[in-house]
Structures are given as C-alpha cells and as structure tokens.
Protein backbone atom coordinates (compact mmCIF):
# COMPACT_ATOMS: atom_id res chain seq x y z
CA MET A 1 13.49 3.23 -12.07
CA SER A 2 14.50 3.50 -15.72
CA ALA A 3 13.45 0.85 -18.20
CA ASN A 4 15.79 -2.07 -18.80
CA VAL A 5 17.62 -1.60 -15.49
CA ARG A 6 18.76 -4.99 -14.22
CA GLN A 7 17.12 -5.61 -10.86
CA LEU A 8 17.67 -8.58 -8.58
CA LEU A 9 15.23 -9.81 -5.94
CA VAL A 10 17.54 -11.11 -3.22
CA ASP A 11 17.05 -13.17 -0.08
CA THR A 12 19.21 -15.22 2.27
CA GLU A 13 18.61 -17.83 4.95
CA THR A 14 21.00 -18.09 7.88
CA THR A 15 21.83 -20.07 10.99
CA GLY A 16 20.80 -17.18 13.24
CA PHE A 17 20.36 -13.43 13.57
CA GLU A 18 23.84 -12.01 14.06
CA PRO A 19 26.93 -12.78 11.94
CA LYS A 20 29.25 -11.30 14.58
CA GLU A 21 28.09 -14.11 16.88
CA GLY A 22 29.30 -16.68 14.37
CA HIS A 23 26.10 -17.22 12.43
CA ARG A 24 26.40 -17.91 8.72
CA ILE A 25 24.47 -17.71 5.46
CA ILE A 26 23.27 -21.15 4.37
CA GLU A 27 21.13 -20.17 1.36
CA PHE A 28 21.39 -17.33 -1.17
CA ALA A 29 18.88 -16.63 -3.92
CA ALA A 30 18.60 -13.88 -6.52
CA LEU A 31 16.02 -13.58 -9.29
CA GLU A 32 16.61 -11.24 -12.20
CA MET A 33 13.92 -8.77 -13.21
CA ILE A 34 14.12 -6.36 -16.15
CA ASP A 35 11.39 -3.86 -17.03
CA ARG A 36 9.30 -5.24 -14.12
CA LYS A 37 9.29 -8.77 -15.55
CA LEU A 38 11.16 -11.85 -14.29
CA THR A 39 13.60 -13.02 -16.97
CA GLY A 40 14.02 -16.61 -15.74
CA ASN A 41 17.67 -15.90 -14.93
CA SER A 42 18.60 -16.64 -11.32
CA LEU A 43 21.35 -17.64 -8.92
CA HIS A 44 20.45 -20.08 -6.15
CA LEU A 45 23.11 -21.48 -3.82
CA TYR A 46 23.26 -23.51 -0.61
CA PHE A 47 26.31 -23.43 1.67
CA ASN A 48 27.86 -25.64 4.30
CA PRO A 49 27.97 -23.25 7.30
CA GLU A 50 30.78 -25.27 8.90
CA ARG A 51 28.89 -25.07 12.19
CA ASP A 52 25.59 -26.30 13.59
CA ILE A 53 22.18 -25.02 12.50
CA PRO A 54 20.07 -24.34 15.61
CA ALA A 55 16.66 -26.01 15.75
CA GLU A 56 14.97 -22.59 16.08
CA ALA A 57 16.43 -21.53 12.72
CA THR A 58 15.40 -24.80 11.05
CA LYS A 59 11.83 -24.20 12.21
CA VAL A 60 11.82 -21.02 10.12
CA HIS A 61 13.53 -22.08 6.89
CA GLY A 62 13.41 -25.89 7.11
CA ILE A 63 17.12 -26.36 6.37
CA THR A 64 19.06 -28.90 8.44
CA LEU A 65 22.81 -29.41 8.58
CA GLU A 66 22.39 -32.84 6.99
CA GLN A 67 20.86 -31.19 3.92
CA VAL A 68 23.73 -28.76 3.32
CA GLU A 69 26.85 -30.33 4.84
CA HIS A 70 27.84 -31.67 1.40
CA GLU A 71 27.62 -28.16 -0.14
CA ALA A 72 30.65 -25.91 -0.63
CA PRO A 73 31.27 -23.26 2.04
CA PHE A 74 30.49 -19.61 1.26
CA ARG A 75 34.14 -18.73 0.62
CA GLU A 76 34.31 -21.11 -2.34
CA ARG A 77 31.36 -19.52 -4.15
CA VAL A 78 31.64 -15.88 -3.12
CA ASN A 79 32.89 -14.86 -6.56
CA GLU A 80 29.72 -16.24 -8.16
CA ILE A 81 27.64 -13.96 -5.96
CA ILE A 82 29.77 -10.90 -6.61
CA ASP A 83 29.77 -11.49 -10.37
CA TYR A 84 26.00 -11.96 -10.39
CA ILE A 85 25.07 -8.86 -8.37
CA SER A 86 27.61 -6.52 -9.96
CA GLY A 87 25.97 -3.42 -11.43
CA ALA A 88 22.45 -4.49 -10.49
CA GLU A 89 19.84 -2.81 -8.32
CA LEU A 90 19.01 -5.12 -5.41
CA ILE A 91 15.47 -5.48 -4.06
CA ILE A 92 15.45 -6.95 -0.55
CA HIS A 93 12.79 -7.22 2.15
CA ASN A 94 14.47 -6.02 5.35
CA ALA A 95 17.70 -5.21 3.52
CA LYS A 96 19.53 -4.37 6.74
CA PHE A 97 19.49 -8.03 7.77
CA ASP A 98 20.69 -9.54 4.49
CA LEU A 99 23.27 -6.84 3.76
CA ASN A 100 24.64 -7.20 7.29
CA PHE A 101 25.36 -10.89 6.64
CA LEU A 102 26.69 -10.41 3.11
CA ASP A 103 28.93 -7.51 4.16
CA HIS A 104 30.27 -9.51 7.10
CA HIS A 105 31.07 -12.54 4.96
CA PHE A 106 32.61 -10.40 2.21
CA ASN A 107 34.77 -8.57 4.75
CA GLN A 108 36.00 -11.81 6.28
CA LEU A 109 37.19 -12.89 2.83
CA GLY A 110 38.85 -9.58 1.99
CA PHE A 111 36.12 -8.22 -0.29
CA LYS A 112 34.39 -4.84 -0.28
CA PRO A 113 30.83 -4.26 1.05
CA THR A 114 27.90 -5.46 -1.07
CA LEU A 115 26.93 -2.04 -2.38
CA GLU A 116 30.44 -1.51 -3.71
CA TYR A 117 29.49 -4.16 -6.29
CA ALA A 118 25.74 -3.70 -6.68
CA ALA A 119 24.53 -0.35 -8.00
CA SER A 120 21.94 0.31 -5.29
CA CYS A 121 19.42 -1.35 -2.99
CA ILE A 122 15.66 -0.98 -2.48
CA ASP A 123 14.31 -2.09 0.90
CA THR A 124 10.70 -3.16 0.42
CA LEU A 125 10.17 -3.33 4.19
CA ALA A 126 11.00 0.39 4.48
CA MET A 127 8.72 1.11 1.52
CA ALA A 128 5.86 -0.83 3.10
CA ARG A 129 6.30 0.83 6.50
CA SER A 130 6.14 4.23 4.84
CA LYS A 131 3.06 3.26 2.84
CA PHE A 132 1.26 1.36 5.62
CA PRO A 133 2.45 2.80 8.96
CA GLY A 134 1.37 0.75 11.95
CA ALA A 135 0.27 -2.25 9.85
CA LYS A 136 1.90 -5.66 9.59
CA ASN A 137 4.49 -5.43 6.83
CA ASN A 138 6.17 -8.84 6.83
CA LEU A 139 6.25 -10.70 3.53
CA ASP A 140 3.19 -12.84 4.35
CA ALA A 141 1.07 -9.80 5.22
CA LEU A 142 2.15 -7.96 2.05
CA CYS A 143 1.41 -11.02 -0.10
CA ASP A 144 -2.11 -11.05 1.32
CA ARG A 145 -2.47 -7.30 0.80
CA TYR A 146 -1.46 -7.53 -2.86
CA ASN A 147 -3.11 -10.91 -3.57
CA VAL A 148 0.21 -12.66 -4.19
CA ASP A 149 -0.34 -16.43 -4.07
CA ARG A 150 1.76 -17.93 -1.29
CA SER A 151 0.00 -21.30 -1.14
CA ASN A 152 3.19 -23.10 -2.19
CA ARG A 153 5.21 -21.54 0.61
CA GLY A 154 5.82 -23.83 3.54
CA TYR A 155 9.08 -22.66 5.04
CA HIS A 156 10.74 -19.29 4.49
CA GLY A 157 13.11 -20.50 1.77
CA ALA A 158 15.21 -17.88 0.00
CA LEU A 159 14.17 -18.80 -3.53
CA ILE A 160 10.42 -18.93 -2.92
CA ASP A 161 10.63 -15.71 -0.92
CA CYS A 162 12.26 -14.00 -3.92
CA VAL A 163 9.39 -15.11 -6.14
CA LEU A 164 6.84 -13.77 -3.65
CA LEU A 165 8.83 -10.56 -3.24
CA SER A 166 8.61 -9.91 -6.97
CA GLY A 167 4.82 -9.77 -6.70
CA VAL A 168 4.97 -7.60 -3.59
CA TYR A 169 7.43 -5.18 -5.20
CA ILE A 170 5.19 -4.81 -8.28
CA GLY A 171 2.27 -4.08 -5.95
CA LEU A 172 4.20 -1.54 -3.88
CA THR A 173 5.42 0.35 -6.95
CA ARG A 174 2.38 0.06 -9.22
CA GLU A 175 1.10 3.50 -8.19
CA GLN A 176 4.49 5.09 -8.79
CA ILE A 177 4.58 3.74 -12.34
CA SER A 178 1.02 4.97 -12.90
CA LEU A 179 1.89 8.42 -11.57
CA LEU A 180 4.74 8.63 -14.06
CA GLY A 181 2.36 7.95 -16.93
CA ASP A 182 4.02 4.58 -17.65
CA ASP A 183 6.86 6.35 -19.45
CA LYS A 184 8.95 3.60 -21.07
CA SER A 185 11.59 5.99 -22.40
CA GLY A 186 13.61 5.95 -19.20
CA GLY A 187 12.66 9.56 -18.49
CA LYS A 188 13.80 10.86 -21.88
CA ASN A 189 10.27 11.59 -23.05
CA LYS A 190 8.86 14.09 -20.58
CA ILE A 191 5.10 14.02 -20.25
CA VAL A 192 3.38 17.33 -21.10
CA TYR A 193 0.31 18.05 -19.00
CA PRO A 194 -2.21 20.51 -20.52
CA HIS A 195 -3.18 23.67 -18.68
CA ILE A 196 -6.76 23.54 -17.40
CA ASN A 197 -8.80 26.76 -17.36
CA SER A 198 -10.73 26.65 -14.08
CA ASP A 199 -12.62 29.96 -14.54
CA GLN A 200 -15.81 28.17 -15.60
CA TYR A 201 -16.05 26.18 -12.35
CA ASN A 202 -16.62 29.08 -9.87
CA LEU A 203 -14.11 27.59 -7.49
CA ILE A 204 -13.82 29.18 -4.04
CA PRO A 205 -10.21 29.96 -3.09
CA VAL A 206 -9.03 28.32 0.11
CA GLU A 207 -6.19 29.81 2.09
CA VAL A 208 -3.41 27.31 2.72
CA SER A 209 -1.34 27.65 5.86
CA GLN A 210 2.46 27.69 5.79
CA GLU A 211 2.51 24.34 7.61
CA GLU A 212 0.22 22.78 5.00
CA GLN A 213 2.41 24.17 2.21
CA LYS A 214 5.49 22.73 3.91
CA LEU A 215 3.90 19.26 4.27
CA HIS A 216 2.72 19.37 0.65
CA LEU A 217 6.20 20.20 -0.63
CA GLU A 218 7.72 17.44 1.52
CA TYR A 219 5.28 14.94 -0.01
CA LEU A 220 6.09 16.13 -3.54
CA ALA A 221 9.80 15.85 -2.74
CA LYS A 222 9.24 12.21 -1.75
CA LEU A 223 7.52 11.52 -5.06
CA ASP A 224 10.38 13.20 -6.88
CA LYS A 225 12.96 11.11 -5.04
CA ILE A 226 11.09 7.87 -5.76
CA SER A 227 10.79 8.77 -9.44
CA LYS A 228 14.46 9.82 -9.56
CA GLY A 229 13.73 13.39 -10.61
CA ASN A 230 10.85 12.66 -12.98
CA SER A 231 8.00 14.09 -10.90
CA PRO A 232 6.39 16.96 -12.86
CA TRP A 233 4.46 18.13 -9.79
CA PHE A 234 7.56 18.65 -7.67
CA ASN A 235 9.46 20.35 -10.48
CA ARG A 236 6.59 22.76 -11.10
CA SER A 237 6.36 23.68 -7.43
CA LYS A 238 9.99 24.78 -7.20
C-alpha cells in the first residue's frame, strides 16, 4: 500500500445471511484510515429494513426493529455510501459477505457493483487464514492475537467492529511494512541493500532441490504481490 492512500474499514450488520432470501442491511459503518492512522472521518448509518429482524440476528448485533424503524430505508441513503467509498481501498473482514449484500442492494437500485466505485478491497479474513492456517480467525480471535482491546464490545455492531478491525489490520500488515523498510515514499525511493561478502564465514554449500526452489519463488511472488511490486527479493530472483 502506498502512503496517503485513502483506506476505509467497512462493516455491515444485516437481518440475516442471504440477501437473495430478502434479508437486508440495517447498519453500515466505514472508518477512514490514511497512512495507517484513523483520521476521525467516518460514515455510520442505520436503515429501516422494511421487514422484520429475526431474534437470532438480534442476538448477534443487538439491533431490534423498534430501534431502526424510524430510520430511512437503504434506498434513500445509497448515494451517501457510494460517494463515501468512491476511490477508496476497502478493508473488510469476510469481504464476501458484506460485498454480497452491498452489491445486491446496489443492483436492486440500478447501481453498479461496489468495486466499480471503490478502488479495491482487502479481505482480512483471507489474510488471516493465509497467515494462521487452521487457527480461529474471527475478529475476536484476531483481537486477542494482536492484543486489540475489545472490552467495550458487547454486540457485533458495525462501528465498533470497524474500530477493532483497524487494530487487527495493523497487526496483520505490520511485518509487511517492516519488510519494506518502512518506505514512506510510496515506492519511489527504492531501498538499496549492500552486498555481503560471505567468503570469511566458511559456509558449506547446500544443494537445493527443484521443488524447494519452486516453493521459495512462490513465497517471494506472494511477498511481491502484497507489496505491489516493491519486493527486492522477488525482483532479484527473476
């Protein structure tokens, strides 16, 4: 990620799991982050779903129909969302879920899919699964792993989840920033690594198999993709 890119931590709460079954977004939250710091700028909206909110859903996010039935429906505030996310990089935990709802609602109202407005999307759930395969990677587990304080979190509200996600995202990407030498030039200032003369160490050569070379290059390619072409190790290996 280049410096000064506008990023938005995004979360939604809904009446259920599947928009094609008639479920609706009832809460939308987005927190702005620039240069890995929250700016204080945000968009936080509640919506009247114009349907019931099942008790099972309320147990998760704590929102009842009585609390939101006076709010405007999604269609009346959709332009606020589109204007706010336009050109930004979205950061979402389990992006497939939230984008599925947003895309469905946008389509119903004659708008294009979410990523036709936003520049891109980072799924922190996919990042966590890649980094910690086989481990619990829900937001609570990641908060505990990265010592993000979630003591004020009762229900899974969209706004509080965005705040927690900011800490999780910083934790997940801290090593990537370190690997890039904390280059704040947006990639313009390439880091020069000095050549090390290893003759004095009497190192014993180890033969590397073709499979090991292949796996090594695949790993370097991942680093290069994450750093958007700024990985010196991958570039040197080509």
